[in-house]
Structures are given as C-alpha cells and as structure tokens.
Amino acid sequence: MIWDWQYAWEVFPDIVVDGLRITLLATVLGSALAYTLGLLLTLLRRSPIRIVSSAAWAFIELVRSTPLLVQIFFFFFVLPDFGVRFDPLTTGVVALGVHYATYCAEVYRAGIDAVPVGQWEAAVALNLPRLRTWTAVILPQAVPRVLPALGNYTISMLKETPLLLMIGVLDIVGVANQLGSRAFRYVEPITIAGVLFLVLSYSASLLVRGMERRVRYSH
C-alpha cells in the first residue's frame, strides 16, 4: 500500500507537538520583530537627516534584494565570526523578522502616505509635538489601513519556516523529514506536514479577509 494509516497515526502526534510548536513560535516571534522593526525603518526613512534616511533606504533595498536563505546562512555562519552568536531558533526568528521587516516598512510607508495631508496640517496648527503627532494622529490612522497587508506577510513567513531546517531548526517539515528518514517512509509524514500548512495558511487567510472587511467598513 502507498498509504499506511497506522504509520500515519504514529507520526502525527510528533509532527503536531514538536513541529507545529516550532513553526508557530518562529512565525509569531518573527512577525512581532518584523512589525516593530518595519515601523522603525519607515520612520528612519522619513527622517529629515539625509544620512539616516539614506541608510534606512539602502538597508531596505539590500535585504529585499537578497534571498532569505542567504540571510539565514549569514546570521548563522558569518555573524559568529564577529562575536555575534545565537542559537538556531533565535537565528531563524531574527532572519525571518529582519527579512520581512523590509517589506513591512514599505507597507507602513504606503499607509502613512495615505493619511490625508489635512491631518498633518491640523497637527501643525494645534502645535502638537512631533512625537505626539505620530502617536496620536498619524499612526492610529495609518496602521489599521495596512493590517491586512501585514497579515499577508505573516502568512508568507509561515510558509518560509521550513527554510530553517537548513540550520537545524525542526519545524513541521523538519520533524516530518526526520521521521520519514527513520522509517524510510516519507509519504505519510510529508503529506501530514503539507496538510497542516494548508490548514494554517487557509485559517490565517480567512482571518486576514475578515480584517480587510472590517477595515473597509470602518472607513
């Protein structure tokens, strides 16, 4: 038989308990880093200090123009030569977060640009401090507009977590591959991994669609 139900049920708990935990952990922590760093990069890019804005732009373009796998290898194999060393999971989270932060930065930039000019003018007329203008006027209007786009990048990040297998982080696919190599049966574990990713991605896409409808109706 091509498919062995008994073997599938044997490996299913390991894939869910071990692999799913790492996949979700890497995705959640990586997303939090990407959202935070992405916003910081956007603000730096809008800095009136030219060298700061140019450096932020160059960093964004550099990261966006190189493959994620190369960046994972850079963080894991190159940075230790300069005294910066992380465990494999932390390395994966940082690599995912930094990579997707550059895409989130462009999303934030679009959201900020979409805020009506009158809002900026009103803040100036009220003589609001620059920090107050950003935290009380601009960002509360810009961020809700871009939440669906940020959600889509989280889904993309979720599907990129199997790349962390290259540095020894066993996510869903990594655990499935390990179990398959032990029994020389890959059909069941790899299929289960694929189904889990399908369920996770589709569930997340439904959540993003709900966010899109909510944002659209609120405006």
N, C-alpha and C. Protein backbone atom coordinates (compact mmCIF):
# COMPACT_ATOMS: atom_id res chain seq x y z
N MET A 1 0.83 -1.20 0.00
CA MET A 1 0.00 0.00 0.00
C MET A 1 0.87 1.25 0.00
N ILE A 2 0.45 2.27 -0.74
CA ILE A 2 1.17 3.54 -0.78
C ILE A 2 0.99 4.30 0.54
N TRP A 3 -0.23 4.21 1.10
CA TRP A 3 -0.54 4.95 2.32
C TRP A 3 -0.79 3.98 3.46
N ASP A 4 -0.10 4.16 4.58
CA ASP A 4 -0.25 3.30 5.76
C ASP A 4 -0.87 4.13 6.88
N TRP A 5 -2.17 3.89 7.16
CA TRP A 5 -2.87 4.67 8.16
C TRP A 5 -2.28 4.49 9.56
N GLN A 6 -1.85 3.26 9.86
CA GLN A 6 -1.28 3.01 11.19
C GLN A 6 -0.01 3.84 11.40
N TYR A 7 0.86 3.87 10.38
CA TYR A 7 2.09 4.66 10.49
C TYR A 7 1.77 6.15 10.54
N ALA A 8 0.76 6.58 9.79
CA ALA A 8 0.37 7.99 9.79
C ALA A 8 -0.06 8.43 11.18
N TRP A 9 -0.86 7.59 11.85
CA TRP A 9 -1.31 7.95 13.20
C TRP A 9 -0.17 7.90 14.20
N GLU A 10 0.85 7.09 13.93
CA GLU A 10 2.01 7.02 14.82
C GLU A 10 2.84 8.31 14.77
N VAL A 11 3.01 8.86 13.58
CA VAL A 11 3.88 10.03 13.42
C VAL A 11 3.12 11.34 13.61
N PHE A 12 1.82 11.29 13.51
CA PHE A 12 1.02 12.53 13.60
C PHE A 12 1.27 13.31 14.89
N PRO A 13 1.24 12.66 16.07
CA PRO A 13 1.45 13.43 17.32
C PRO A 13 2.80 14.13 17.37
N ASP A 14 3.86 13.46 16.89
CA ASP A 14 5.19 14.07 16.93
C ASP A 14 5.24 15.30 16.03
N ILE A 15 4.65 15.21 14.85
CA ILE A 15 4.66 16.34 13.93
C ILE A 15 3.89 17.51 14.51
N VAL A 16 2.76 17.22 15.14
CA VAL A 16 1.93 18.29 15.70
C VAL A 16 2.57 18.89 16.94
N VAL A 17 2.99 18.04 17.88
CA VAL A 17 3.51 18.53 19.17
C VAL A 17 4.85 19.24 18.99
N ASP A 18 5.77 18.63 18.27
CA ASP A 18 7.11 19.19 18.13
C ASP A 18 7.20 20.20 16.98
N GLY A 19 6.81 19.77 15.80
CA GLY A 19 6.96 20.63 14.62
C GLY A 19 6.05 21.83 14.62
N LEU A 20 4.78 21.63 14.98
CA LEU A 20 3.83 22.73 14.96
C LEU A 20 4.21 23.81 15.97
N ARG A 21 4.71 23.40 17.12
CA ARG A 21 5.11 24.36 18.15
C ARG A 21 6.22 25.27 17.63
N ILE A 22 7.22 24.69 17.00
CA ILE A 22 8.34 25.48 16.48
C ILE A 22 7.88 26.38 15.33
N THR A 23 7.02 25.85 14.47
CA THR A 23 6.53 26.64 13.34
C THR A 23 5.77 27.87 13.83
N LEU A 24 4.87 27.66 14.76
CA LEU A 24 4.08 28.79 15.28
C LEU A 24 4.95 29.76 16.07
N LEU A 25 5.89 29.24 16.85
CA LEU A 25 6.77 30.10 17.63
C LEU A 25 7.62 30.99 16.72
N ALA A 26 8.21 30.39 15.69
CA ALA A 26 9.03 31.16 14.76
C ALA A 26 8.20 32.20 14.02
N THR A 27 6.98 31.83 13.65
CA THR A 27 6.12 32.76 12.90
C THR A 27 5.66 33.92 13.77
N VAL A 28 5.22 33.62 14.99
CA VAL A 28 4.71 34.68 15.88
C VAL A 28 5.83 35.64 16.28
N LEU A 29 6.95 35.09 16.72
CA LEU A 29 8.06 35.95 17.14
C LEU A 29 8.66 36.70 15.95
N GLY A 30 8.77 36.02 14.82
CA GLY A 30 9.29 36.67 13.63
C GLY A 30 8.38 37.80 13.16
N SER A 31 7.06 37.59 13.25
CA SER A 31 6.11 38.63 12.85
C SER A 31 6.20 39.83 13.78
N ALA A 32 6.30 39.57 15.09
CA ALA A 32 6.42 40.67 16.05
C ALA A 32 7.66 41.51 15.76
N LEU A 33 8.77 40.84 15.46
CA LEU A 33 10.00 41.56 15.13
C LEU A 33 9.84 42.32 13.82
N ALA A 34 9.23 41.69 12.83
CA ALA A 34 9.05 42.33 11.52
C ALA A 34 8.17 43.57 11.62
N TYR A 35 7.08 43.48 12.37
CA TYR A 35 6.18 44.63 12.51
C TYR A 35 6.88 45.79 13.21
N THR A 36 7.62 45.47 14.29
CA THR A 36 8.28 46.52 15.07
C THR A 36 9.43 47.15 14.29
N LEU A 37 10.31 46.30 13.76
CA LEU A 37 11.46 46.81 13.01
C LEU A 37 11.02 47.50 11.73
N GLY A 38 9.96 46.98 11.10
CA GLY A 38 9.46 47.60 9.88
C GLY A 38 8.98 49.02 10.12
N LEU A 39 8.28 49.23 11.23
CA LEU A 39 7.82 50.57 11.56
C LEU A 39 9.00 51.49 11.85
N LEU A 40 10.01 50.98 12.56
CA LEU A 40 11.20 51.78 12.85
C LEU A 40 11.91 52.17 11.56
N LEU A 41 12.04 51.23 10.63
CA LEU A 41 12.69 51.53 9.35
C LEU A 41 11.92 52.60 8.57
N THR A 42 10.60 52.54 8.63
CA THR A 42 9.78 53.53 7.95
C THR A 42 10.02 54.93 8.52
N LEU A 43 10.05 55.00 9.85
CA LEU A 43 10.27 56.29 10.49
C LEU A 43 11.68 56.82 10.20
N LEU A 44 12.67 55.93 10.19
CA LEU A 44 14.02 56.35 9.88
C LEU A 44 14.13 56.82 8.43
N ARG A 45 13.40 56.15 7.55
CA ARG A 45 13.44 56.55 6.14
C ARG A 45 12.82 57.93 5.92
N ARG A 46 11.90 58.32 6.80
CA ARG A 46 11.28 59.64 6.70
C ARG A 46 12.03 60.70 7.51
N SER A 47 13.17 60.33 8.05
CA SER A 47 13.94 61.26 8.87
C SER A 47 14.41 62.45 8.03
N PRO A 48 14.36 63.65 8.60
CA PRO A 48 14.87 64.83 7.88
C PRO A 48 16.39 64.83 7.75
N ILE A 49 17.05 63.95 8.51
CA ILE A 49 18.52 63.84 8.41
C ILE A 49 18.83 62.92 7.23
N ARG A 50 19.45 63.46 6.22
CA ARG A 50 19.63 62.74 4.97
C ARG A 50 20.41 61.44 5.11
N ILE A 51 21.47 61.46 5.92
CA ILE A 51 22.29 60.26 6.06
C ILE A 51 21.49 59.13 6.72
N VAL A 52 20.58 59.48 7.63
CA VAL A 52 19.75 58.48 8.30
C VAL A 52 18.75 57.88 7.32
N SER A 53 18.05 58.73 6.59
CA SER A 53 17.05 58.25 5.64
C SER A 53 17.70 57.44 4.52
N SER A 54 18.90 57.86 4.08
CA SER A 54 19.60 57.12 3.03
C SER A 54 20.05 55.75 3.52
N ALA A 55 20.53 55.70 4.76
CA ALA A 55 20.97 54.42 5.32
C ALA A 55 19.80 53.46 5.47
N ALA A 56 18.65 53.97 5.91
CA ALA A 56 17.45 53.13 6.04
C ALA A 56 17.01 52.62 4.68
N TRP A 57 17.02 53.49 3.68
CA TRP A 57 16.64 53.08 2.32
C TRP A 57 17.59 52.01 1.79
N ALA A 58 18.90 52.20 1.99
CA ALA A 58 19.89 51.24 1.50
C ALA A 58 19.72 49.89 2.18
N PHE A 59 19.45 49.89 3.48
CA PHE A 59 19.25 48.64 4.21
C PHE A 59 18.02 47.90 3.69
N ILE A 60 16.94 48.63 3.49
CA ILE A 60 15.70 48.02 2.99
C ILE A 60 15.93 47.39 1.62
N GLU A 61 16.58 48.12 0.74
CA GLU A 61 16.81 47.60 -0.61
C GLU A 61 17.77 46.42 -0.60
N LEU A 62 18.77 46.46 0.26
CA LEU A 62 19.73 45.36 0.34
C LEU A 62 19.05 44.08 0.79
N VAL A 63 18.27 44.16 1.84
CA VAL A 63 17.62 42.95 2.38
C VAL A 63 16.56 42.44 1.42
N ARG A 64 15.80 43.33 0.83
CA ARG A 64 14.74 42.89 -0.09
C ARG A 64 15.31 42.27 -1.37
N SER A 65 16.54 42.62 -1.70
CA SER A 65 17.13 42.17 -2.97
C SER A 65 17.97 40.91 -2.84
N THR A 66 18.05 40.35 -1.64
CA THR A 66 18.81 39.13 -1.44
C THR A 66 17.90 38.03 -0.89
N PRO A 67 18.18 36.77 -1.23
CA PRO A 67 17.30 35.67 -0.80
C PRO A 67 17.30 35.48 0.71
N LEU A 68 16.16 35.06 1.22
CA LEU A 68 16.04 34.80 2.65
C LEU A 68 17.01 33.72 3.10
N LEU A 69 17.20 32.69 2.29
CA LEU A 69 18.10 31.61 2.69
C LEU A 69 19.52 32.11 2.87
N VAL A 70 19.96 33.00 2.00
CA VAL A 70 21.30 33.59 2.14
C VAL A 70 21.41 34.36 3.44
N GLN A 71 20.36 35.08 3.80
CA GLN A 71 20.36 35.85 5.04
C GLN A 71 20.39 34.94 6.26
N ILE A 72 19.66 33.82 6.18
CA ILE A 72 19.69 32.85 7.28
C ILE A 72 21.11 32.33 7.47
N PHE A 73 21.77 31.96 6.39
CA PHE A 73 23.15 31.48 6.47
C PHE A 73 24.09 32.56 6.99
N PHE A 74 23.84 33.81 6.58
CA PHE A 74 24.68 34.92 7.04
C PHE A 74 24.59 35.07 8.56
N PHE A 75 23.37 35.08 9.08
CA PHE A 75 23.19 35.22 10.52
C PHE A 75 23.79 34.04 11.29
N PHE A 76 23.69 32.84 10.71
CA PHE A 76 24.09 31.63 11.44
C PHE A 76 25.58 31.33 11.31
N PHE A 77 26.15 31.57 10.12
CA PHE A 77 27.54 31.17 9.89
C PHE A 77 28.54 32.34 9.89
N VAL A 78 28.09 33.53 9.50
CA VAL A 78 29.02 34.66 9.37
C VAL A 78 29.10 35.50 10.64
N LEU A 79 27.94 35.84 11.22
CA LEU A 79 27.95 36.70 12.40
C LEU A 79 28.78 36.15 13.56
N PRO A 80 28.80 34.81 13.79
CA PRO A 80 29.64 34.29 14.87
C PRO A 80 31.11 34.67 14.73
N ASP A 81 31.59 34.89 13.49
CA ASP A 81 32.97 35.31 13.29
C ASP A 81 33.22 36.71 13.84
N PHE A 82 32.13 37.47 14.03
CA PHE A 82 32.24 38.83 14.58
C PHE A 82 31.77 38.88 16.04
N GLY A 83 31.64 37.70 16.65
CA GLY A 83 31.27 37.64 18.05
C GLY A 83 29.79 37.69 18.33
N VAL A 84 28.96 37.61 17.29
CA VAL A 84 27.50 37.63 17.47
C VAL A 84 26.99 36.23 17.20
N ARG A 85 26.52 35.57 18.24
CA ARG A 85 26.12 34.17 18.10
C ARG A 85 24.75 33.96 18.76
N PHE A 86 23.85 33.29 18.03
CA PHE A 86 22.54 32.94 18.55
C PHE A 86 22.34 31.43 18.41
N ASP A 87 21.40 30.90 19.19
CA ASP A 87 21.02 29.51 18.98
C ASP A 87 20.23 29.43 17.67
N PRO A 88 20.07 28.23 17.09
CA PRO A 88 19.43 28.12 15.77
C PRO A 88 18.04 28.73 15.69
N LEU A 89 17.19 28.51 16.69
CA LEU A 89 15.83 29.04 16.63
C LEU A 89 15.85 30.57 16.67
N THR A 90 16.65 31.14 17.55
CA THR A 90 16.75 32.60 17.63
C THR A 90 17.28 33.17 16.32
N THR A 91 18.26 32.49 15.74
CA THR A 91 18.79 32.92 14.44
C THR A 91 17.69 32.93 13.39
N GLY A 92 16.88 31.88 13.38
CA GLY A 92 15.79 31.81 12.41
C GLY A 92 14.78 32.91 12.61
N VAL A 93 14.42 33.17 13.87
CA VAL A 93 13.45 34.23 14.16
C VAL A 93 13.99 35.59 13.72
N VAL A 94 15.25 35.85 14.03
CA VAL A 94 15.86 37.13 13.65
C VAL A 94 15.92 37.27 12.13
N ALA A 95 16.33 36.20 11.45
CA ALA A 95 16.42 36.26 9.99
C ALA A 95 15.05 36.50 9.36
N LEU A 96 14.04 35.77 9.81
CA LEU A 96 12.69 35.98 9.29
C LEU A 96 12.20 37.39 9.59
N GLY A 97 12.43 37.85 10.84
CA GLY A 97 11.95 39.16 11.24
C GLY A 97 12.61 40.28 10.45
N VAL A 98 13.92 40.21 10.29
CA VAL A 98 14.64 41.26 9.55
C VAL A 98 14.23 41.25 8.08
N HIS A 99 14.14 40.07 7.50
CA HIS A 99 13.77 39.97 6.08
C HIS A 99 12.40 40.59 5.82
N TYR A 100 11.41 40.18 6.60
CA TYR A 100 10.06 40.67 6.36
C TYR A 100 9.84 42.08 6.89
N ALA A 101 10.72 42.55 7.77
CA ALA A 101 10.62 43.94 8.23
C ALA A 101 10.77 44.91 7.07
N THR A 102 11.61 44.56 6.10
CA THR A 102 11.81 45.46 4.97
C THR A 102 10.56 45.56 4.10
N TYR A 103 9.82 44.47 4.01
CA TYR A 103 8.55 44.51 3.26
C TYR A 103 7.48 45.25 4.07
N CYS A 104 7.47 45.00 5.38
CA CYS A 104 6.51 45.70 6.23
C CYS A 104 6.78 47.20 6.22
N ALA A 105 8.05 47.59 6.11
CA ALA A 105 8.39 49.01 6.07
C ALA A 105 7.72 49.69 4.88
N GLU A 106 7.70 49.02 3.74
CA GLU A 106 7.05 49.60 2.57
C GLU A 106 5.54 49.67 2.75
N VAL A 107 4.99 48.70 3.45
CA VAL A 107 3.55 48.71 3.73
C VAL A 107 3.20 49.88 4.64
N TYR A 108 3.99 50.04 5.70
CA TYR A 108 3.78 51.17 6.60
C TYR A 108 3.89 52.49 5.85
N ARG A 109 4.88 52.59 4.97
CA ARG A 109 5.09 53.83 4.22
C ARG A 109 3.86 54.17 3.38
N ALA A 110 3.29 53.14 2.75
CA ALA A 110 2.08 53.36 1.96
C ALA A 110 0.93 53.81 2.84
N GLY A 111 0.80 53.20 4.03
CA GLY A 111 -0.27 53.59 4.94
C GLY A 111 -0.12 55.01 5.43
N ILE A 112 1.10 55.41 5.74
CA ILE A 112 1.35 56.78 6.20
C ILE A 112 1.08 57.79 5.09
N ASP A 113 1.51 57.44 3.87
CA ASP A 113 1.27 58.34 2.74
C ASP A 113 -0.22 58.50 2.45
N ALA A 114 -1.02 57.49 2.86
CA ALA A 114 -2.46 57.55 2.61
C ALA A 114 -3.21 58.44 3.60
N VAL A 115 -2.54 58.82 4.68
CA VAL A 115 -3.18 59.72 5.65
C VAL A 115 -3.36 61.09 5.00
N PRO A 116 -4.54 61.67 5.00
CA PRO A 116 -4.77 62.96 4.34
C PRO A 116 -3.82 64.05 4.83
N VAL A 117 -3.39 64.89 3.91
CA VAL A 117 -2.48 65.98 4.25
C VAL A 117 -3.08 66.88 5.32
N GLY A 118 -4.41 67.00 5.31
CA GLY A 118 -5.08 67.85 6.29
C GLY A 118 -4.81 67.43 7.72
N GLN A 119 -4.56 66.15 7.93
CA GLN A 119 -4.26 65.66 9.29
C GLN A 119 -2.92 66.20 9.76
N TRP A 120 -1.94 66.23 8.87
CA TRP A 120 -0.64 66.80 9.21
C TRP A 120 -0.79 68.30 9.50
N GLU A 121 -1.54 68.95 8.64
CA GLU A 121 -1.71 70.40 8.79
C GLU A 121 -2.44 70.73 10.09
N ALA A 122 -3.42 69.90 10.45
CA ALA A 122 -4.14 70.13 11.70
C ALA A 122 -3.22 69.96 12.91
N ALA A 123 -2.33 68.97 12.84
CA ALA A 123 -1.39 68.75 13.94
C ALA A 123 -0.44 69.94 14.08
N VAL A 124 -0.02 70.49 12.94
CA VAL A 124 0.85 71.67 12.99
C VAL A 124 0.10 72.87 13.55
N ALA A 125 -1.16 73.02 13.12
CA ALA A 125 -1.97 74.14 13.58
C ALA A 125 -2.20 74.08 15.09
N LEU A 126 -2.31 72.86 15.61
CA LEU A 126 -2.50 72.69 17.06
C LEU A 126 -1.19 72.73 17.83
N ASN A 127 -0.11 72.90 17.08
CA ASN A 127 1.22 72.98 17.69
C ASN A 127 1.56 71.72 18.49
N LEU A 128 1.16 70.56 17.95
CA LEU A 128 1.46 69.29 18.62
C LEU A 128 2.94 68.95 18.45
N PRO A 129 3.57 68.42 19.48
CA PRO A 129 4.96 67.95 19.35
C PRO A 129 5.03 66.84 18.30
N ARG A 130 6.21 66.67 17.70
CA ARG A 130 6.37 65.68 16.63
C ARG A 130 6.01 64.27 17.09
N LEU A 131 6.45 63.90 18.30
CA LEU A 131 6.14 62.57 18.81
C LEU A 131 4.63 62.41 19.00
N ARG A 132 3.99 63.42 19.53
CA ARG A 132 2.55 63.38 19.75
C ARG A 132 1.80 63.29 18.42
N THR A 133 2.31 63.99 17.42
CA THR A 133 1.69 63.94 16.09
C THR A 133 1.68 62.52 15.55
N TRP A 134 2.81 61.83 15.71
CA TRP A 134 2.92 60.47 15.20
C TRP A 134 2.05 59.50 16.00
N THR A 135 2.12 59.57 17.32
CA THR A 135 1.45 58.57 18.15
C THR A 135 -0.06 58.80 18.29
N ALA A 136 -0.50 60.05 18.19
CA ALA A 136 -1.92 60.35 18.42
C ALA A 136 -2.70 60.65 17.15
N VAL A 137 -2.00 61.00 16.07
CA VAL A 137 -2.71 61.42 14.86
C VAL A 137 -2.42 60.51 13.67
N ILE A 138 -1.14 60.35 13.33
CA ILE A 138 -0.78 59.67 12.09
C ILE A 138 -0.88 58.16 12.19
N LEU A 139 -0.15 57.57 13.13
CA LEU A 139 -0.11 56.11 13.22
C LEU A 139 -1.48 55.48 13.51
N PRO A 140 -2.32 56.07 14.39
CA PRO A 140 -3.64 55.47 14.60
C PRO A 140 -4.50 55.42 13.34
N GLN A 141 -4.21 56.27 12.39
CA GLN A 141 -4.95 56.23 11.13
C GLN A 141 -4.26 55.35 10.08
N ALA A 142 -2.93 55.30 10.13
CA ALA A 142 -2.19 54.57 9.11
C ALA A 142 -2.16 53.07 9.36
N VAL A 143 -1.92 52.67 10.61
CA VAL A 143 -1.73 51.25 10.91
C VAL A 143 -2.96 50.40 10.60
N PRO A 144 -4.19 50.80 11.00
CA PRO A 144 -5.34 49.97 10.67
C PRO A 144 -5.51 49.73 9.17
N ARG A 145 -5.10 50.69 8.36
CA ARG A 145 -5.23 50.55 6.91
C ARG A 145 -4.33 49.44 6.35
N VAL A 146 -3.21 49.20 7.01
CA VAL A 146 -2.24 48.27 6.47
C VAL A 146 -2.24 46.91 7.17
N LEU A 147 -3.10 46.72 8.16
CA LEU A 147 -3.13 45.44 8.88
C LEU A 147 -3.36 44.24 7.96
N PRO A 148 -4.28 44.32 6.99
CA PRO A 148 -4.45 43.17 6.09
C PRO A 148 -3.17 42.82 5.32
N ALA A 149 -2.47 43.85 4.85
CA ALA A 149 -1.22 43.59 4.12
C ALA A 149 -0.17 42.97 5.03
N LEU A 150 -0.09 43.45 6.27
CA LEU A 150 0.84 42.86 7.23
C LEU A 150 0.47 41.40 7.51
N GLY A 151 -0.82 41.12 7.57
CA GLY A 151 -1.28 39.76 7.78
C GLY A 151 -0.86 38.83 6.65
N ASN A 152 -0.89 39.35 5.43
CA ASN A 152 -0.46 38.53 4.28
C ASN A 152 1.02 38.19 4.37
N TYR A 153 1.83 39.12 4.87
CA TYR A 153 3.25 38.83 5.03
C TYR A 153 3.48 37.80 6.14
N THR A 154 2.63 37.80 7.15
CA THR A 154 2.74 36.78 8.19
C THR A 154 2.47 35.39 7.61
N ILE A 155 1.49 35.31 6.72
CA ILE A 155 1.21 34.03 6.06
C ILE A 155 2.41 33.59 5.24
N SER A 156 3.01 34.54 4.52
CA SER A 156 4.21 34.21 3.74
C SER A 156 5.33 33.73 4.64
N MET A 157 5.50 34.38 5.79
CA MET A 157 6.53 33.97 6.73
C MET A 157 6.28 32.56 7.24
N LEU A 158 5.02 32.26 7.52
CA LEU A 158 4.66 30.91 7.97
C LEU A 158 5.14 29.86 6.98
N LYS A 159 4.96 30.14 5.71
CA LYS A 159 5.33 29.17 4.68
C LYS A 159 6.83 29.14 4.40
N GLU A 160 7.57 30.12 4.95
CA GLU A 160 9.02 30.15 4.78
C GLU A 160 9.75 29.44 5.92
N THR A 161 9.04 29.11 6.99
CA THR A 161 9.72 28.50 8.14
C THR A 161 10.45 27.18 7.82
N PRO A 162 10.03 26.39 6.82
CA PRO A 162 10.81 25.18 6.52
C PRO A 162 12.25 25.47 6.12
N LEU A 163 12.56 26.70 5.69
CA LEU A 163 13.94 27.04 5.36
C LEU A 163 14.86 26.93 6.57
N LEU A 164 14.28 27.06 7.76
CA LEU A 164 15.09 27.00 8.98
C LEU A 164 15.66 25.60 9.20
N LEU A 165 15.15 24.62 8.48
CA LEU A 165 15.71 23.27 8.55
C LEU A 165 17.18 23.28 8.17
N MET A 166 17.58 24.24 7.32
CA MET A 166 18.96 24.30 6.85
C MET A 166 19.94 24.64 7.97
N ILE A 167 19.45 25.18 9.09
CA ILE A 167 20.34 25.46 10.22
C ILE A 167 19.95 24.62 11.44
N GLY A 168 19.20 23.56 11.20
CA GLY A 168 18.90 22.60 12.25
C GLY A 168 17.66 22.86 13.07
N VAL A 169 16.81 23.80 12.64
CA VAL A 169 15.56 24.05 13.34
C VAL A 169 14.49 23.15 12.75
N LEU A 170 13.91 22.29 13.56
CA LEU A 170 12.95 21.32 13.06
C LEU A 170 11.52 21.84 13.24
N ASP A 171 10.98 22.40 12.19
CA ASP A 171 9.58 22.82 12.19
C ASP A 171 8.74 21.65 11.74
N ILE A 172 7.55 21.91 11.24
CA ILE A 172 6.67 20.82 10.79
C ILE A 172 7.36 19.96 9.74
N VAL A 173 7.92 20.60 8.73
CA VAL A 173 8.58 19.85 7.65
C VAL A 173 9.84 19.16 8.16
N GLY A 174 10.58 19.83 9.04
CA GLY A 174 11.79 19.23 9.56
C GLY A 174 11.52 17.96 10.36
N VAL A 175 10.51 18.02 11.22
CA VAL A 175 10.14 16.83 12.00
C VAL A 175 9.63 15.73 11.08
N ALA A 176 8.82 16.10 10.10
CA ALA A 176 8.30 15.11 9.15
C ALA A 176 9.43 14.45 8.38
N ASN A 177 10.40 15.22 7.96
CA ASN A 177 11.54 14.67 7.23
C ASN A 177 12.36 13.75 8.11
N GLN A 178 12.55 14.14 9.36
CA GLN A 178 13.31 13.32 10.30
C GLN A 178 12.62 11.99 10.55
N LEU A 179 11.30 12.03 10.77
CA LEU A 179 10.55 10.79 10.99
C LEU A 179 10.57 9.91 9.75
N GLY A 180 10.47 10.53 8.59
CA GLY A 180 10.49 9.75 7.35
C GLY A 180 11.82 9.06 7.13
N SER A 181 12.92 9.73 7.50
CA SER A 181 14.24 9.13 7.31
C SER A 181 14.47 7.96 8.24
N ARG A 182 13.81 7.97 9.40
CA ARG A 182 13.98 6.86 10.34
C ARG A 182 13.33 5.59 9.83
N ALA A 183 12.15 5.71 9.23
CA ALA A 183 11.40 4.54 8.78
C ALA A 183 11.50 4.33 7.28
N PHE A 184 12.20 5.24 6.59
CA PHE A 184 12.29 5.20 5.14
C PHE A 184 10.91 5.24 4.49
N ARG A 185 10.02 5.99 5.15
CA ARG A 185 8.67 6.22 4.62
C ARG A 185 8.39 7.72 4.72
N TYR A 186 8.25 8.36 3.57
CA TYR A 186 8.08 9.81 3.55
C TYR A 186 6.68 10.24 3.16
N VAL A 187 5.92 9.35 2.55
CA VAL A 187 4.60 9.74 2.05
C VAL A 187 3.71 10.27 3.17
N GLU A 188 3.59 9.50 4.25
CA GLU A 188 2.69 9.89 5.33
C GLU A 188 3.15 11.16 6.06
N PRO A 189 4.41 11.23 6.56
CA PRO A 189 4.81 12.44 7.31
C PRO A 189 4.82 13.70 6.46
N ILE A 190 5.29 13.61 5.23
CA ILE A 190 5.34 14.80 4.39
C ILE A 190 3.93 15.25 4.00
N THR A 191 3.05 14.30 3.77
CA THR A 191 1.66 14.65 3.45
C THR A 191 1.00 15.32 4.64
N ILE A 192 1.22 14.77 5.84
CA ILE A 192 0.65 15.38 7.05
C ILE A 192 1.19 16.81 7.21
N ALA A 193 2.49 17.00 6.97
CA ALA A 193 3.07 18.34 7.06
C ALA A 193 2.42 19.30 6.07
N GLY A 194 2.19 18.82 4.85
CA GLY A 194 1.55 19.65 3.85
C GLY A 194 0.13 20.03 4.23
N VAL A 195 -0.60 19.07 4.79
CA VAL A 195 -1.99 19.34 5.20
C VAL A 195 -2.01 20.35 6.35
N LEU A 196 -1.08 20.22 7.30
CA LEU A 196 -1.02 21.16 8.41
C LEU A 196 -0.73 22.58 7.92
N PHE A 197 0.18 22.71 6.97
CA PHE A 197 0.46 24.03 6.41
C PHE A 197 -0.75 24.58 5.68
N LEU A 198 -1.46 23.72 4.99
CA LEU A 198 -2.67 24.14 4.28
C LEU A 198 -3.70 24.67 5.26
N VAL A 199 -3.91 23.92 6.35
CA VAL A 199 -4.89 24.34 7.36
C VAL A 199 -4.49 25.66 7.99
N LEU A 200 -3.21 25.78 8.36
CA LEU A 200 -2.73 27.00 9.00
C LEU A 200 -2.83 28.20 8.06
N SER A 201 -2.39 28.01 6.82
CA SER A 201 -2.40 29.12 5.87
C SER A 201 -3.81 29.55 5.52
N TYR A 202 -4.69 28.58 5.32
CA TYR A 202 -6.07 28.92 4.96
C TYR A 202 -6.78 29.60 6.13
N SER A 203 -6.54 29.12 7.34
CA SER A 203 -7.14 29.75 8.52
C SER A 203 -6.65 31.19 8.67
N ALA A 204 -5.35 31.39 8.45
CA ALA A 204 -4.80 32.74 8.53
C ALA A 204 -5.36 33.64 7.43
N SER A 205 -5.54 33.09 6.23
CA SER A 205 -6.09 33.89 5.13
C SER A 205 -7.53 34.32 5.42
N LEU A 206 -8.30 33.45 6.06
CA LEU A 206 -9.66 33.82 6.46
C LEU A 206 -9.64 34.96 7.46
N LEU A 207 -8.69 34.89 8.39
CA LEU A 207 -8.55 35.96 9.39
C LEU A 207 -8.19 37.28 8.71
N VAL A 208 -7.28 37.22 7.73
CA VAL A 208 -6.88 38.43 7.01
C VAL A 208 -8.05 39.01 6.22
N ARG A 209 -8.85 38.14 5.61
CA ARG A 209 -10.02 38.63 4.87
C ARG A 209 -11.00 39.33 5.80
N GLY A 210 -11.16 38.76 6.99
CA GLY A 210 -12.03 39.40 7.98
C GLY A 210 -11.50 40.77 8.37
N MET A 211 -10.19 40.89 8.51
CA MET A 211 -9.58 42.17 8.83
C MET A 211 -9.79 43.17 7.69
N GLU A 212 -9.68 42.69 6.45
CA GLU A 212 -9.89 43.57 5.31
C GLU A 212 -11.31 44.12 5.29
N ARG A 213 -12.29 43.25 5.55
CA ARG A 213 -13.68 43.71 5.56
C ARG A 213 -13.91 44.71 6.69
N ARG A 214 -13.32 44.42 7.84
CA ARG A 214 -13.51 45.31 8.99
C ARG A 214 -12.91 46.70 8.71
N VAL A 215 -11.68 46.70 8.13
CA VAL A 215 -11.04 47.98 7.82
C VAL A 215 -11.82 48.74 6.76
N ARG A 216 -12.31 48.01 5.75
CA ARG A 216 -13.08 48.65 4.68
C ARG A 216 -14.36 49.28 5.21
N TYR A 217 -15.07 48.56 6.06
CA TYR A 217 -16.34 49.08 6.60
C TYR A 217 -16.11 50.25 7.57
N SER A 218 -14.96 50.20 8.29
CA SER A 218 -14.68 51.27 9.25
C SER A 218 -14.32 52.59 8.58
N HIS A 219 -13.97 52.49 7.26
CA HIS A 219 -13.65 53.70 6.54
C HIS A 219 -14.73 54.04 5.53
